[in-house]
Structure formats: structure tokens, C-alpha cells
Amino acid sequence: MPPLRDSRAVLDERICRLICPIASAMVGVCLTGIGLLHLGVAIGRRASFADDLLAVDSLLFLVATLTSYVALRGGASRRLHLMEQFADASFITAMLLLTAACFVITYALSA
């Protein structure tokens, strides 16, 4: 049976391998949303702060992507765990902010 420390490192690496591509794809989702909102403003709809939320959200997804990438590059086990936790926290925060932006887009723009 492998030591607990090695199994935690493998588990953290798998989490980072999931966060990195998903978070980078979500940056594209946020940028697409910003583009669509600006297109709506250009054709006469009123502006909202949903595009600002999406811009901040894309930065959080970028932070999650970069920190998970740095964690995957290796190094000290302590740094791996710290970077993985930071990537995880920023990814979850960004997903919550994306959900809030969706509510703003749905309810503020339809009113």
C-alpha cells in the first residue's frame, strides 16, 4: 500500500489536470458572453454590469488555469498542495460568479 503522502500528491495532480483545461475553456465562455452583451448594447439594448461580472470572472478562471498549470509543473509537495488549493478555490469562486452573471443576464436584461 502506497504511503498517504504519495496518494495525496497523485490526487492533487488529477484535480489540477481537470481544473486547467476546464478553467481555460471557461475563459472563452466568459469572453463570448461579453461579446454577445456588447453586441446587444450596439443594437439598442441597455447596458448592464453583467459584462463587468464576466470580465472579472474570466480573470478568476485565468488565475485557476495558471495556478493549476504551475502546480502541474512540479516542485515541492507543499507548493503543489498550496497551488492546487488556490486553483480549486479560484475555480469554485469563478463558477459561482458565472452563475451570478447568468442570473443578471437573465433577469436584468429581460426586464
PDB file of N, CA and C in Angstrom:
ATOM      1  N   MET A   1       0.845  -1.176   0.000  1.00  0.00           N
ATOM      2  CA  MET A   1       0.000   0.000   0.000  1.00  0.00           C
ATOM      3  C   MET A   1       0.894   1.243   0.000  1.00  0.00           C
ATOM      4  N   PRO A   2       0.640   2.199  -0.942  1.00  0.00           N
ATOM      5  CA  PRO A   2       1.495   3.385  -1.011  1.00  0.00           C
ATOM      6  C   PRO A   2       1.265   4.293   0.188  1.00  0.00           C
ATOM      7  N   PRO A   3       2.290   5.044   0.552  1.00  0.00           N
ATOM      8  CA  PRO A   3       2.123   5.976   1.669  1.00  0.00           C
ATOM      9  C   PRO A   3       1.041   7.010   1.372  1.00  0.00           C
ATOM     10  N   LEU A   4       0.441   7.524   2.437  1.00  0.00           N
ATOM     11  CA  LEU A   4      -0.640   8.502   2.308  1.00  0.00           C
ATOM     12  C   LEU A   4      -0.180   9.749   1.572  1.00  0.00           C
ATOM     13  N   ARG A   5       1.031  10.171   1.811  1.00  0.00           N
ATOM     14  CA  ARG A   5       1.550  11.389   1.193  1.00  0.00           C
ATOM     15  C   ARG A   5       1.603  11.260  -0.334  1.00  0.00           C
ATOM     16  N   ASP A   6       2.042  10.088  -0.842  1.00  0.00           N
ATOM     17  CA  ASP A   6       2.115   9.888  -2.285  1.00  0.00           C
ATOM     18  C   ASP A   6       0.722   9.858  -2.913  1.00  0.00           C
ATOM     19  N   SER A   7      -0.240   9.217  -2.249  1.00  0.00           N
ATOM     20  CA  SER A   7      -1.585   9.150  -2.813  1.00  0.00           C
ATOM     21  C   SER A   7      -2.235  10.528  -2.834  1.00  0.00           C
ATOM     22  N   ARG A   8      -1.933  11.383  -1.842  1.00  0.00           N
ATOM     23  CA  ARG A   8      -2.474  12.749  -1.859  1.00  0.00           C
ATOM     24  C   ARG A   8      -1.891  13.536  -3.015  1.00  0.00           C
ATOM     25  N   ALA A   9      -0.595  13.361  -3.306  1.00  0.00           N
ATOM     26  CA  ALA A   9       0.038  14.080  -4.400  1.00  0.00           C
ATOM     27  C   ALA A   9      -0.568  13.664  -5.732  1.00  0.00           C
ATOM     28  N   VAL A  10      -0.846  12.364  -5.894  1.00  0.00           N
ATOM     29  CA  VAL A  10      -1.465  11.889  -7.127  1.00  0.00           C
ATOM     30  C   VAL A  10      -2.872  12.457  -7.259  1.00  0.00           C
ATOM     31  N   LEU A  11      -3.626  12.461  -6.185  1.00  0.00           N
ATOM     32  CA  LEU A  11      -4.979  13.004  -6.202  1.00  0.00           C
ATOM     33  C   LEU A  11      -4.956  14.490  -6.562  1.00  0.00           C
ATOM     34  N   ASP A  12      -4.032  15.252  -5.975  1.00  0.00           N
ATOM     35  CA  ASP A  12      -3.932  16.670  -6.272  1.00  0.00           C
ATOM     36  C   ASP A  12      -3.570  16.893  -7.734  1.00  0.00           C
ATOM     37  N   GLU A  13      -2.689  16.068  -8.267  1.00  0.00           N
ATOM     38  CA  GLU A  13      -2.309  16.221  -9.672  1.00  0.00           C
ATOM     39  C   GLU A  13      -3.505  15.965 -10.576  1.00  0.00           C
ATOM     40  N   ARG A  14      -4.336  14.987 -10.235  1.00  0.00           N
ATOM     41  CA  ARG A  14      -5.522  14.719 -11.048  1.00  0.00           C
ATOM     42  C   ARG A  14      -6.491  15.892 -11.003  1.00  0.00           C
ATOM     43  N   ILE A  15      -6.639  16.507  -9.835  1.00  0.00           N
ATOM     44  CA  ILE A  15      -7.523  17.666  -9.725  1.00  0.00           C
ATOM     45  C   ILE A  15      -6.989  18.807 -10.579  1.00  0.00           C
ATOM     46  N   CYS A  16      -5.688  19.041 -10.513  1.00  0.00           N
ATOM     47  CA  CYS A  16      -5.087  20.111 -11.327  1.00  0.00           C
ATOM     48  C   CYS A  16      -5.240  19.823 -12.807  1.00  0.00           C
ATOM     49  N   ARG A  17      -5.117  18.560 -13.180  1.00  0.00           N
ATOM     50  CA  ARG A  17      -5.281  18.200 -14.593  1.00  0.00           C
ATOM     51  C   ARG A  17      -6.715  18.434 -15.066  1.00  0.00           C
ATOM     52  N   LEU A  18      -7.681  18.408 -14.167  1.00  0.00           N
ATOM     53  CA  LEU A  18      -9.065  18.709 -14.520  1.00  0.00           C
ATOM     54  C   LEU A  18      -9.326  20.207 -14.554  1.00  0.00           C
ATOM     55  N   ILE A  19      -8.798  20.926 -13.578  1.00  0.00           N
ATOM     56  CA  ILE A  19      -9.062  22.359 -13.474  1.00  0.00           C
ATOM     57  C   ILE A  19      -8.454  23.118 -14.642  1.00  0.00           C
ATOM     58  N   CYS A  20      -7.248  22.774 -15.031  1.00  0.00           N
ATOM     59  CA  CYS A  20      -6.521  23.538 -16.046  1.00  0.00           C
ATOM     60  C   CYS A  20      -7.293  23.657 -17.365  1.00  0.00           C
ATOM     61  N   PRO A  21      -7.703  22.576 -18.017  1.00  0.00           N
ATOM     62  CA  PRO A  21      -8.407  22.746 -19.301  1.00  0.00           C
ATOM     63  C   PRO A  21      -9.825  23.291 -19.153  1.00  0.00           C
ATOM     64  N   ILE A  22     -10.508  22.915 -18.077  1.00  0.00           N
ATOM     65  CA  ILE A  22     -11.881  23.391 -17.901  1.00  0.00           C
ATOM     66  C   ILE A  22     -11.894  24.895 -17.644  1.00  0.00           C
ATOM     67  N   ALA A  23     -11.002  25.366 -16.782  1.00  0.00           N
ATOM     68  CA  ALA A  23     -10.957  26.792 -16.477  1.00  0.00           C
ATOM     69  C   ALA A  23     -10.557  27.608 -17.704  1.00  0.00           C
ATOM     70  N   SER A  24      -9.627  27.097 -18.503  1.00  0.00           N
ATOM     71  CA  SER A  24      -9.240  27.844 -19.705  1.00  0.00           C
ATOM     72  C   SER A  24     -10.388  27.888 -20.712  1.00  0.00           C
ATOM     73  N   ALA A  25     -11.175  26.834 -20.797  1.00  0.00           N
ATOM     74  CA  ALA A  25     -12.350  26.860 -21.675  1.00  0.00           C
ATOM     75  C   ALA A  25     -13.391  27.848 -21.165  1.00  0.00           C
ATOM     76  N   MET A  26     -13.518  27.961 -19.849  1.00  0.00           N
ATOM     77  CA  MET A  26     -14.494  28.880 -19.270  1.00  0.00           C
ATOM     78  C   MET A  26     -14.113  30.344 -19.510  1.00  0.00           C
ATOM     79  N   VAL A  27     -12.820  30.628 -19.664  1.00  0.00           N
ATOM     80  CA  VAL A  27     -12.406  31.986 -20.063  1.00  0.00           C
ATOM     81  C   VAL A  27     -13.032  32.320 -21.409  1.00  0.00           C
ATOM     82  N   GLY A  28     -13.004  31.368 -22.328  1.00  0.00           N
ATOM     83  CA  GLY A  28     -13.641  31.565 -23.637  1.00  0.00           C
ATOM     84  C   GLY A  28     -15.138  31.763 -23.534  1.00  0.00           C
ATOM     85  N   VAL A  29     -15.772  31.048 -22.626  1.00  0.00           N
ATOM     86  CA  VAL A  29     -17.212  31.219 -22.412  1.00  0.00           C
ATOM     87  C   VAL A  29     -17.509  32.633 -21.931  1.00  0.00           C
ATOM     88  N   CYS A  30     -16.708  33.111 -20.987  1.00  0.00           N
ATOM     89  CA  CYS A  30     -16.906  34.468 -20.466  1.00  0.00           C
ATOM     90  C   CYS A  30     -16.694  35.511 -21.560  1.00  0.00           C
ATOM     91  N   LEU A  31     -15.660  35.334 -22.354  1.00  0.00           N
ATOM     92  CA  LEU A  31     -15.395  36.286 -23.429  1.00  0.00           C
ATOM     93  C   LEU A  31     -16.505  36.269 -24.481  1.00  0.00           C
ATOM     94  N   THR A  32     -17.060  35.106 -24.763  1.00  0.00           N
ATOM     95  CA  THR A  32     -18.190  35.020 -25.685  1.00  0.00           C
ATOM     96  C   THR A  32     -19.396  35.759 -25.122  1.00  0.00           C
ATOM     97  N   GLY A  33     -19.652  35.578 -23.829  1.00  0.00           N
ATOM     98  CA  GLY A  33     -20.758  36.293 -23.184  1.00  0.00           C
ATOM     99  C   GLY A  33     -20.570  37.799 -23.232  1.00  0.00           C
ATOM    100  N   ILE A  34     -19.348  38.260 -22.990  1.00  0.00           N
ATOM    101  CA  ILE A  34     -19.067  39.694 -23.062  1.00  0.00           C
ATOM    102  C   ILE A  34     -19.319  40.208 -24.468  1.00  0.00           C
ATOM    103  N   GLY A  35     -18.860  39.462 -25.458  1.00  0.00           N
ATOM    104  CA  GLY A  35     -19.084  39.869 -26.854  1.00  0.00           C
ATOM    105  C   GLY A  35     -20.556  39.943 -27.209  1.00  0.00           C
ATOM    106  N   LEU A  36     -21.314  38.963 -26.761  1.00  0.00           N
ATOM    107  CA  LEU A  36     -22.756  38.980 -27.045  1.00  0.00           C
ATOM    108  C   LEU A  36     -23.460  40.127 -26.334  1.00  0.00           C
ATOM    109  N   LEU A  37     -23.050  40.424 -25.113  1.00  0.00           N
ATOM    110  CA  LEU A  37     -23.652  41.551 -24.399  1.00  0.00           C
ATOM    111  C   LEU A  37     -23.324  42.875 -25.088  1.00  0.00           C
ATOM    112  N   HIS A  38     -22.106  43.020 -25.559  1.00  0.00           N
ATOM    113  CA  HIS A  38     -21.737  44.253 -26.266  1.00  0.00           C
ATOM    114  C   HIS A  38     -22.467  44.357 -27.603  1.00  0.00           C
ATOM    115  N   LEU A  39     -22.700  43.245 -28.234  1.00  0.00           N
ATOM    116  CA  LEU A  39     -23.480  43.258 -29.472  1.00  0.00           C
ATOM    117  C   LEU A  39     -24.913  43.698 -29.188  1.00  0.00           C
ATOM    118  N   GLY A  40     -25.473  43.224 -28.075  1.00  0.00           N
ATOM    119  CA  GLY A  40     -26.821  43.639 -27.684  1.00  0.00           C
ATOM    120  C   GLY A  40     -26.898  45.123 -27.398  1.00  0.00           C
ATOM    121  N   VAL A  41     -25.884  45.672 -26.762  1.00  0.00           N
ATOM    122  CA  VAL A  41     -25.845  47.115 -26.482  1.00  0.00           C
ATOM    123  C   VAL A  41     -25.734  47.891 -27.785  1.00  0.00           C
ATOM    124  N   ALA A  42     -24.967  47.376 -28.730  1.00  0.00           N
ATOM    125  CA  ALA A  42     -24.771  48.061 -30.007  1.00  0.00           C
ATOM    126  C   ALA A  42     -26.061  48.143 -30.820  1.00  0.00           C
ATOM    127  N   ILE A  43     -26.954  47.170 -30.658  1.00  0.00           N
ATOM    128  CA  ILE A  43     -28.192  47.209 -31.434  1.00  0.00           C
ATOM    129  C   ILE A  43     -29.342  47.844 -30.663  1.00  0.00           C
ATOM    130  N   GLY A  44     -29.033  48.465 -29.521  1.00  0.00           N
ATOM    131  CA  GLY A  44     -30.045  49.268 -28.858  1.00  0.00           C
ATOM    132  C   GLY A  44     -30.499  48.818 -27.498  1.00  0.00           C
ATOM    133  N   ARG A  45     -30.029  47.698 -27.023  1.00  0.00           N
ATOM    134  CA  ARG A  45     -30.409  47.298 -25.665  1.00  0.00           C
ATOM    135  C   ARG A  45     -29.609  48.087 -24.656  1.00  0.00           C
ATOM    136  N   ARG A  46     -30.141  48.195 -23.461  1.00  0.00           N
ATOM    137  CA  ARG A  46     -29.435  48.938 -22.422  1.00  0.00           C
ATOM    138  C   ARG A  46     -28.280  48.113 -21.847  1.00  0.00           C
ATOM    139  N   ALA A  47     -27.282  48.821 -21.373  1.00  0.00           N
ATOM    140  CA  ALA A  47     -26.100  48.171 -20.809  1.00  0.00           C
ATOM    141  C   ALA A  47     -26.385  47.688 -19.387  1.00  0.00           C
ATOM    142  N   SER A  48     -25.695  46.670 -18.974  1.00  0.00           N
ATOM    143  CA  SER A  48     -25.793  46.188 -17.600  1.00  0.00           C
ATOM    144  C   SER A  48     -24.383  45.907 -17.094  1.00  0.00           C
ATOM    145  N   PHE A  49     -24.312  45.561 -15.828  1.00  0.00           N
ATOM    146  CA  PHE A  49     -22.997  45.247 -15.288  1.00  0.00           C
ATOM    147  C   PHE A  49     -22.660  43.772 -15.442  1.00  0.00           C
ATOM    148  N   ALA A  50     -23.465  43.054 -16.218  1.00  0.00           N
ATOM    149  CA  ALA A  50     -23.193  41.636 -16.454  1.00  0.00           C
ATOM    150  C   ALA A  50     -21.873  41.442 -17.193  1.00  0.00           C
ATOM    151  N   ASP A  51     -21.555  42.338 -18.119  1.00  0.00           N
ATOM    152  CA  ASP A  51     -20.280  42.189 -18.822  1.00  0.00           C
ATOM    153  C   ASP A  51     -19.099  42.443 -17.887  1.00  0.00           C
ATOM    154  N   ASP A  52     -19.271  43.324 -16.899  1.00  0.00           N
ATOM    155  CA  ASP A  52     -18.222  43.534 -15.901  1.00  0.00           C
ATOM    156  C   ASP A  52     -18.035  42.281 -15.037  1.00  0.00           C
ATOM    157  N   LEU A  53     -19.151  41.649 -14.661  1.00  0.00           N
ATOM    158  CA  LEU A  53     -19.063  40.407 -13.905  1.00  0.00           C
ATOM    159  C   LEU A  53     -18.329  39.325 -14.700  1.00  0.00           C
ATOM    160  N   LEU A  54     -18.647  39.242 -15.978  1.00  0.00           N
ATOM    161  CA  LEU A  54     -17.996  38.239 -16.815  1.00  0.00           C
ATOM    162  C   LEU A  54     -16.508  38.532 -17.008  1.00  0.00           C
ATOM    163  N   ALA A  55     -16.145  39.808 -17.052  1.00  0.00           N
ATOM    164  CA  ALA A  55     -14.729  40.166 -17.190  1.00  0.00           C
ATOM    165  C   ALA A  55     -13.949  39.752 -15.937  1.00  0.00           C
ATOM    166  N   VAL A  56     -14.499  40.033 -14.766  1.00  0.00           N
ATOM    167  CA  VAL A  56     -13.850  39.611 -13.521  1.00  0.00           C
ATOM    168  C   VAL A  56     -13.812  38.087 -13.450  1.00  0.00           C
ATOM    169  N   ASP A  57     -14.885  37.469 -13.893  1.00  0.00           N
ATOM    170  CA  ASP A  57     -14.977  36.018 -13.894  1.00  0.00           C
ATOM    171  C   ASP A  57     -13.905  35.388 -14.784  1.00  0.00           C
ATOM    172  N   SER A  58     -13.676  35.976 -15.933  1.00  0.00           N
ATOM    173  CA  SER A  58     -12.649  35.430 -16.828  1.00  0.00           C
ATOM    174  C   SER A  58     -11.264  35.538 -16.189  1.00  0.00           C
ATOM    175  N   LEU A  59     -11.034  36.604 -15.418  1.00  0.00           N
ATOM    176  CA  LEU A  59      -9.754  36.726 -14.708  1.00  0.00           C
ATOM    177  C   LEU A  59      -9.612  35.642 -13.635  1.00  0.00           C
ATOM    178  N   LEU A  60     -10.695  35.346 -12.932  1.00  0.00           N
ATOM    179  CA  LEU A  60     -10.644  34.280 -11.925  1.00  0.00           C
ATOM    180  C   LEU A  60     -10.381  32.919 -12.568  1.00  0.00           C
ATOM    181  N   PHE A  61     -11.014  32.666 -13.710  1.00  0.00           N
ATOM    182  CA  PHE A  61     -10.743  31.416 -14.418  1.00  0.00           C
ATOM    183  C   PHE A  61      -9.297  31.372 -14.908  1.00  0.00           C
ATOM    184  N   LEU A  62      -8.764  32.511 -15.313  1.00  0.00           N
ATOM    185  CA  LEU A  62      -7.358  32.563 -15.730  1.00  0.00           C
ATOM    186  C   LEU A  62      -6.434  32.257 -14.556  1.00  0.00           C
ATOM    187  N   VAL A  63      -6.746  32.801 -13.382  1.00  0.00           N
ATOM    188  CA  VAL A  63      -5.954  32.514 -12.183  1.00  0.00           C
ATOM    189  C   VAL A  63      -6.019  31.012 -11.876  1.00  0.00           C
ATOM    190  N   ALA A  64      -7.194  30.425 -11.975  1.00  0.00           N
ATOM    191  CA  ALA A  64      -7.330  28.985 -11.734  1.00  0.00           C
ATOM    192  C   ALA A  64      -6.509  28.186 -12.736  1.00  0.00           C
ATOM    193  N   THR A  65      -6.529  28.603 -13.993  1.00  0.00           N
ATOM    194  CA  THR A  65      -5.757  27.916 -15.020  1.00  0.00           C
ATOM    195  C   THR A  65      -4.262  28.006 -14.745  1.00  0.00           C
ATOM    196  N   LEU A  66      -3.791  29.212 -14.457  1.00  0.00           N
ATOM    197  CA  LEU A  66      -2.353  29.407 -14.245  1.00  0.00           C
ATOM    198  C   LEU A  66      -1.854  28.705 -12.982  1.00  0.00           C
ATOM    199  N   THR A  67      -2.623  28.763 -11.910  1.00  0.00           N
ATOM    200  CA  THR A  67      -2.163  28.113 -10.684  1.00  0.00           C
ATOM    201  C   THR A  67      -2.184  26.591 -10.812  1.00  0.00           C
ATOM    202  N   SER A  68      -3.158  26.051 -11.512  1.00  0.00           N
ATOM    203  CA  SER A  68      -3.158  24.600 -11.712  1.00  0.00           C
ATOM    204  C   SER A  68      -2.020  24.194 -12.646  1.00  0.00           C
ATOM    205  N   TYR A  69      -1.705  25.032 -13.629  1.00  0.00           N
ATOM    206  CA  TYR A  69      -0.573  24.755 -14.515  1.00  0.00           C
ATOM    207  C   TYR A  69       0.744  24.767 -13.744  1.00  0.00           C
ATOM    208  N   VAL A  70       0.922  25.767 -12.895  1.00  0.00           N
ATOM    209  CA  VAL A  70       2.150  25.847 -12.092  1.00  0.00           C
ATOM    210  C   VAL A  70       2.248  24.644 -11.158  1.00  0.00           C
ATOM    211  N   ALA A  71       1.123  24.225 -10.585  1.00  0.00           N
ATOM    212  CA  ALA A  71       1.130  23.052  -9.709  1.00  0.00           C
ATOM    213  C   ALA A  71       1.515  21.794 -10.483  1.00  0.00           C
ATOM    214  N   LEU A  72       1.091  21.702 -11.739  1.00  0.00           N
ATOM    215  CA  LEU A  72       1.423  20.538 -12.554  1.00  0.00           C
ATOM    216  C   LEU A  72       2.893  20.509 -12.962  1.00  0.00           C
ATOM    217  N   ARG A  73       3.535  21.661 -12.959  1.00  0.00           N
ATOM    218  CA  ARG A  73       4.935  21.723 -13.364  1.00  0.00           C
ATOM    219  C   ARG A  73       5.854  21.060 -12.364  1.00  0.00           C
ATOM    220  N   GLY A  74       5.351  20.731 -11.214  1.00  0.00           N
ATOM    221  CA  GLY A  74       6.153  20.008 -10.233  1.00  0.00           C
ATOM    222  C   GLY A  74       6.763  20.925  -9.208  1.00  0.00           C
ATOM    223  N   GLY A  75       7.664  20.370  -8.480  1.00  0.00           N
ATOM    224  CA  GLY A  75       8.307  21.121  -7.414  1.00  0.00           C
ATOM    225  C   GLY A  75       8.019  20.486  -6.074  1.00  0.00           C
ATOM    226  N   ALA A  76       8.138  21.262  -5.051  1.00  0.00           N
ATOM    227  CA  ALA A  76       7.942  20.768  -3.690  1.00  0.00           C
ATOM    228  C   ALA A  76       6.491  20.351  -3.474  1.00  0.00           C
ATOM    229  N   SER A  77       6.315  19.310  -2.693  1.00  0.00           N
ATOM    230  CA  SER A  77       4.974  18.799  -2.421  1.00  0.00           C
ATOM    231  C   SER A  77       4.116  19.852  -1.724  1.00  0.00           C
ATOM    232  N   ARG A  78       4.706  20.605  -0.821  1.00  0.00           N
ATOM    233  CA  ARG A  78       3.959  21.654  -0.114  1.00  0.00           C
ATOM    234  C   ARG A  78       3.461  22.711  -1.097  1.00  0.00           C
ATOM    235  N   ARG A  79       4.302  23.104  -2.049  1.00  0.00           N
ATOM    236  CA  ARG A  79       3.888  24.089  -3.040  1.00  0.00           C
ATOM    237  C   ARG A  79       2.798  23.532  -3.940  1.00  0.00           C
ATOM    238  N   LEU A  80       2.902  22.245  -4.294  1.00  0.00           N
ATOM    239  CA  LEU A  80       1.874  21.606  -5.105  1.00  0.00           C
ATOM    240  C   LEU A  80       0.520  21.684  -4.413  1.00  0.00           C
ATOM    241  N   HIS A  81       0.487  21.362  -3.134  1.00  0.00           N
ATOM    242  CA  HIS A  81      -0.778  21.386  -2.402  1.00  0.00           C
ATOM    243  C   HIS A  81      -1.315  22.808  -2.256  1.00  0.00           C
ATOM    244  N   LEU A  82      -0.437  23.755  -2.017  1.00  0.00           N
ATOM    245  CA  LEU A  82      -0.862  25.151  -1.885  1.00  0.00           C
ATOM    246  C   LEU A  82      -1.431  25.679  -3.205  1.00  0.00           C
ATOM    247  N   MET A  83      -0.733  25.413  -4.301  1.00  0.00           N
ATOM    248  CA  MET A  83      -1.202  25.880  -5.612  1.00  0.00           C
ATOM    249  C   MET A  83      -2.499  25.189  -6.010  1.00  0.00           C
ATOM    250  N   GLU A  84      -2.606  23.896  -5.687  1.00  0.00           N
ATOM    251  CA  GLU A  84      -3.825  23.163  -6.012  1.00  0.00           C
ATOM    252  C   GLU A  84      -5.015  23.718  -5.239  1.00  0.00           C
ATOM    253  N   GLN A  85      -4.812  24.040  -3.970  1.00  0.00           N
ATOM    254  CA  GLN A  85      -5.891  24.614  -3.172  1.00  0.00           C
ATOM    255  C   GLN A  85      -6.290  25.990  -3.696  1.00  0.00           C
ATOM    256  N   PHE A  86      -5.314  26.776  -4.110  1.00  0.00           N
ATOM    257  CA  PHE A  86      -5.608  28.097  -4.664  1.00  0.00           C
ATOM    258  C   PHE A  86      -6.351  27.973  -5.988  1.00  0.00           C
ATOM    259  N   ALA A  87      -5.928  27.029  -6.829  1.00  0.00           N
ATOM    260  CA  ALA A  87      -6.616  26.796  -8.104  1.00  0.00           C
ATOM    261  C   ALA A  87      -8.050  26.335  -7.858  1.00  0.00           C
ATOM    262  N   ASP A  88      -8.220  25.459  -6.910  1.00  0.00           N
ATOM    263  CA  ASP A  88      -9.546  24.945  -6.579  1.00  0.00           C
ATOM    264  C   ASP A  88     -10.461  26.056  -6.076  1.00  0.00           C
ATOM    265  N   ALA A  89      -9.956  26.876  -5.167  1.00  0.00           N
ATOM    266  CA  ALA A  89     -10.757  27.969  -4.603  1.00  0.00           C
ATOM    267  C   ALA A  89     -11.117  29.001  -5.660  1.00  0.00           C
ATOM    268  N   SER A  90     -10.160  29.361  -6.515  1.00  0.00           N
ATOM    269  CA  SER A  90     -10.462  30.359  -7.550  1.00  0.00           C
ATOM    270  C   SER A  90     -11.421  29.797  -8.593  1.00  0.00           C
ATOM    271  N   PHE A  91     -11.318  28.500  -8.895  1.00  0.00           N
ATOM    272  CA  PHE A  91     -12.240  27.878  -9.856  1.00  0.00           C
ATOM    273  C   PHE A  91     -13.667  27.870  -9.305  1.00  0.00           C
ATOM    274  N   ILE A  92     -13.829  27.491  -8.051  1.00  0.00           N
ATOM    275  CA  ILE A  92     -15.170  27.460  -7.457  1.00  0.00           C
ATOM    276  C   ILE A  92     -15.746  28.864  -7.354  1.00  0.00           C
ATOM    277  N   THR A  93     -14.927  29.832  -6.966  1.00  0.00           N
ATOM    278  CA  THR A  93     -15.385  31.224  -6.897  1.00  0.00           C
ATOM    279  C   THR A  93     -15.815  31.719  -8.277  1.00  0.00           C
ATOM    280  N   ALA A  94     -15.028  31.386  -9.287  1.00  0.00           N
ATOM    281  CA  ALA A  94     -15.368  31.811 -10.647  1.00  0.00           C
ATOM    282  C   ALA A  94     -16.664  31.164 -11.134  1.00  0.00           C
ATOM    283  N   MET A  95     -16.880  29.905 -10.787  1.00  0.00           N
ATOM    284  CA  MET A  95     -18.128  29.248 -11.189  1.00  0.00           C
ATOM    285  C   MET A  95     -19.329  29.896 -10.504  1.00  0.00           C
ATOM    286  N   LEU A  96     -19.176  30.271  -9.236  1.00  0.00           N
ATOM    287  CA  LEU A  96     -20.261  30.961  -8.540  1.00  0.00           C
ATOM    288  C   LEU A  96     -20.537  32.326  -9.158  1.00  0.00           C
ATOM    289  N   LEU A  97     -19.477  33.027  -9.525  1.00  0.00           N
ATOM    290  CA  LEU A  97     -19.642  34.335 -10.163  1.00  0.00           C
ATOM    291  C   LEU A  97     -20.280  34.196 -11.543  1.00  0.00           C
ATOM    292  N   LEU A  98     -19.938  33.150 -12.262  1.00  0.00           N
ATOM    293  CA  LEU A  98     -20.555  32.902 -13.566  1.00  0.00           C
ATOM    294  C   LEU A  98     -22.051  32.645 -13.406  1.00  0.00           C
ATOM    295  N   THR A  99     -22.418  31.918 -12.376  1.00  0.00           N
ATOM    296  CA  THR A  99     -23.837  31.683 -12.101  1.00  0.00           C
ATOM    297  C   THR A  99     -24.547  32.991 -11.782  1.00  0.00           C
ATOM    298  N   ALA A 100     -23.915  33.844 -10.982  1.00  0.00           N
ATOM    299  CA  ALA A 100     -24.498  35.157 -10.674  1.00  0.00           C
ATOM    300  C   ALA A 100     -24.647  35.993 -11.941  1.00  0.00           C
ATOM    301  N   ALA A 101     -23.650  35.960 -12.809  1.00  0.00           N
ATOM    302  CA  ALA A 101     -23.733  36.707 -14.068  1.00  0.00           C
ATOM    303  C   ALA A 101     -24.875  36.187 -14.935  1.00  0.00           C
ATOM    304  N   CYS A 102     -25.093  34.887 -14.925  1.00  0.00           N
ATOM    305  CA  CYS A 102     -26.209  34.319 -15.687  1.00  0.00           C
ATOM    306  C   CYS A 102     -27.550  34.823 -15.161  1.00  0.00           C
ATOM    307  N   PHE A 103     -27.679  34.927 -13.845  1.00  0.00           N
ATOM    308  CA  PHE A 103     -28.909  35.471 -13.275  1.00  0.00           C
ATOM    309  C   PHE A 103     -29.093  36.939 -13.657  1.00  0.00           C
ATOM    310  N   VAL A 104     -28.011  37.700 -13.630  1.00  0.00           N
ATOM    311  CA  VAL A 104     -28.096  39.116 -14.016  1.00  0.00           C
ATOM    312  C   VAL A 104     -28.509  39.226 -15.488  1.00  0.00           C
ATOM    313  N   ILE A 105     -27.893  38.434 -16.329  1.00  0.00           N
ATOM    314  CA  ILE A 105     -28.224  38.473 -17.756  1.00  0.00           C
ATOM    315  C   ILE A 105     -29.676  38.093 -17.970  1.00  0.00           C
ATOM    316  N   THR A 106     -30.126  37.051 -17.301  1.00  0.00           N
ATOM    317  CA  THR A 106     -31.491  36.552 -17.492  1.00  0.00           C
ATOM    318  C   THR A 106     -32.543  37.521 -16.972  1.00  0.00           C
ATOM    319  N   TYR A 107     -32.354  38.015 -15.741  1.00  0.00           N
ATOM    320  CA  TYR A 107     -33.410  38.800 -15.121  1.00  0.00           C
ATOM    321  C   TYR A 107     -33.295  40.301 -15.309  1.00  0.00           C
ATOM    322  N   ALA A 108     -32.085  40.828 -15.381  1.00  0.00           N
ATOM    323  CA  ALA A 108     -31.939  42.274 -15.559  1.00  0.00           C
ATOM    324  C   ALA A 108     -32.132  42.685 -16.994  1.00  0.00           C
ATOM    325  N   LEU A 109     -31.683  41.883 -17.932  1.00  0.00           N
ATOM    326  CA  LEU A 109     -31.810  42.254 -19.334  1.00  0.00           C
ATOM    327  C   LEU A 109     -33.185  41.963 -19.904  1.00  0.00           C
ATOM    328  N   SER A 110     -33.915  41.023 -19.285  1.00  0.00           N
ATOM    329  CA  SER A 110     -35.248  40.718 -19.808  1.00  0.00           C
ATOM    330  C   SER A 110     -36.308  41.666 -19.273  1.00  0.00           C
ATOM    331  N   ALA A 111     -35.972  42.425 -18.247  1.00  0.00           N
ATOM    332  CA  ALA A 111     -36.954  43.344 -17.660  1.00  0.00           C
ATOM    333  C   ALA A 111     -37.108  44.606 -18.468  1.00  0.00           C
TER     334      ALA A 111
END
